């Protein structure tokens, strides 16, 4: 089954940047066959989609709240997907998860201090 592992979370001041990574393994098909998404869940909030990318990387989606600040990308040769986050705000504080094909990683905590 698909195994996803996120990394790169941490504590950052408002206005700062972080880059999250998600490594995929145990794939049945080539990594480029899997659309990937990043989701987040803040304390006491529902999980929400942040961004998604097609298998080829040619198509992307961003939630309005992160447009212009976050960028999703992928390296299909390395089975990696990235989330580059700039101009972080305290409201971006959440556990960030990557997901594909109904599989989820364990999440990585992002905390943005004001």
Protein backbone atom coordinates (compact mmCIF):
# COMPACT_ATOMS: atom_id res chain seq x y z
CA UNK A 1 0.00 0.00 0.00
CA UNK A 2 1.01 3.61 -0.46
CA UNK A 3 3.15 4.96 2.36
CA UNK A 4 3.51 8.73 2.70
CA UNK A 5 5.94 10.50 5.02
CA UNK A 6 5.89 14.26 5.51
CA UNK A 7 8.80 16.32 6.78
CA UNK A 8 9.90 19.93 7.06
CA UNK A 9 7.45 21.32 9.56
CA UNK A 10 8.49 23.53 12.42
CA UNK A 11 8.12 26.85 14.19
CA UNK A 12 8.46 30.02 12.14
CA UNK A 13 7.67 33.66 12.67
CA UNK A 14 4.91 35.35 10.73
CA UNK A 15 6.18 36.37 7.33
CA UNK A 16 8.64 33.51 7.22
CA UNK A 17 8.92 30.52 4.92
CA UNK A 18 8.99 26.76 5.18
CA UNK A 19 9.22 23.94 2.69
CA UNK A 20 7.44 20.69 3.37
CA UNK A 21 8.30 17.44 1.67
CA UNK A 22 6.30 14.27 1.23
CA UNK A 23 8.01 11.03 0.27
CA UNK A 24 5.95 8.26 -1.27
CA UNK A 25 6.72 4.55 -1.28
CA UNK A 26 4.93 1.24 -1.72
CA UNK A 27 3.35 2.44 -4.94
CA UNK A 28 1.51 0.03 -7.19
CA UNK A 29 2.00 2.26 -10.22
CA UNK A 30 4.58 4.88 -11.11
CA UNK A 31 4.50 7.97 -8.93
CA UNK A 32 3.47 10.09 -11.89
CA UNK A 33 0.17 8.20 -11.94
CA UNK A 34 -0.84 9.64 -8.59
CA UNK A 35 -2.30 13.11 -8.15
CA UNK A 36 -1.09 14.45 -4.81
CA UNK A 37 -2.60 16.85 -2.35
CA UNK A 38 -1.65 18.76 0.75
CA UNK A 39 -4.24 19.18 3.47
CA UNK A 40 -4.11 20.84 6.86
CA UNK A 41 -6.00 20.65 10.12
CA UNK A 42 -5.81 23.38 12.69
CA UNK A 43 -6.62 22.79 16.35
CA UNK A 44 -10.37 22.39 16.70
CA UNK A 45 -10.90 22.76 12.98
CA UNK A 46 -11.85 20.42 10.19
CA UNK A 47 -9.25 19.13 7.78
CA UNK A 48 -9.15 21.26 4.65
CA UNK A 49 -7.45 21.01 1.30
CA UNK A 50 -4.59 23.41 0.76
CA UNK A 51 -3.33 22.51 -2.68
CA UNK A 52 -3.16 19.65 -5.16
CA UNK A 53 -1.10 18.71 -8.19
CA UNK A 54 -1.73 16.38 -11.10
CA UNK A 55 0.43 13.36 -11.75
CA UNK A 56 2.43 15.10 -14.45
CA UNK A 57 2.69 18.29 -12.41
CA UNK A 58 1.04 20.26 -15.17
CA UNK A 59 -2.12 21.01 -13.24
CA UNK A 60 -2.45 22.56 -9.83
CA UNK A 61 -5.15 23.76 -7.46
CA UNK A 62 -4.82 26.19 -4.56
CA UNK A 63 -7.24 27.16 -1.84
CA UNK A 64 -7.98 30.86 -1.94
CA UNK A 65 -6.38 31.31 1.47
CA UNK A 66 -2.93 30.29 0.17
CA UNK A 67 -2.94 31.52 -3.43
CA UNK A 68 0.14 33.58 -4.18
CA UNK A 69 1.91 32.38 -1.03
CA UNK A 70 2.17 28.59 -1.38
CA UNK A 71 3.54 26.55 -4.28
CA UNK A 72 3.14 22.82 -4.80
CA UNK A 73 5.61 20.90 -6.94
CA UNK A 74 6.73 17.34 -7.44
CA UNK A 75 9.77 15.35 -8.49
CA UNK A 76 8.48 12.19 -10.10
CA UNK A 77 11.96 10.73 -10.40
CA UNK A 78 12.34 10.86 -6.61
CA UNK A 79 8.74 10.14 -5.60
CA UNK A 80 8.58 13.46 -3.79
CA UNK A 81 6.05 16.24 -3.56
CA UNK A 82 6.85 19.61 -2.04
CA UNK A 83 4.92 22.46 -0.51
CA UNK A 84 6.82 25.74 -0.50
CA UNK A 85 5.18 28.21 1.87
CA UNK A 86 6.00 31.92 1.94
CA UNK A 87 4.55 34.88 3.85
CA UNK A 88 3.28 32.55 6.53
CA UNK A 89 0.53 33.78 8.82
CA UNK A 90 -0.51 32.61 12.29
CA UNK A 91 -3.69 31.22 10.72
CA UNK A 92 -1.54 28.83 8.69
CA UNK A 93 -0.72 27.01 11.93
CA UNK A 94 -1.88 23.42 11.53
CA UNK A 95 -0.81 19.85 11.02
CA UNK A 96 -0.08 19.44 7.34
CA UNK A 97 -0.79 16.13 5.63
CA UNK A 98 -0.04 14.85 2.17
CA UNK A 99 -2.46 12.47 0.58
CA UNK A 100 -3.06 10.42 -2.51
CA UNK A 101 -5.38 7.59 -3.48
CA UNK A 102 -7.08 7.79 -0.09
CA UNK A 103 -3.78 7.25 1.71
CA UNK A 104 -2.49 9.75 4.25
CA UNK A 105 0.81 10.55 5.86
CA UNK A 106 1.21 11.03 9.59
CA UNK A 107 1.36 14.80 9.26
CA UNK A 108 3.90 17.46 10.14
CA UNK A 109 3.23 20.35 12.49
CA UNK A 110 3.60 23.90 11.22
CA UNK A 111 3.41 26.65 13.83
CA UNK A 112 3.51 30.31 12.85
CA UNK A 113 4.09 32.74 15.68
CA UNK A 114 2.83 36.31 15.54
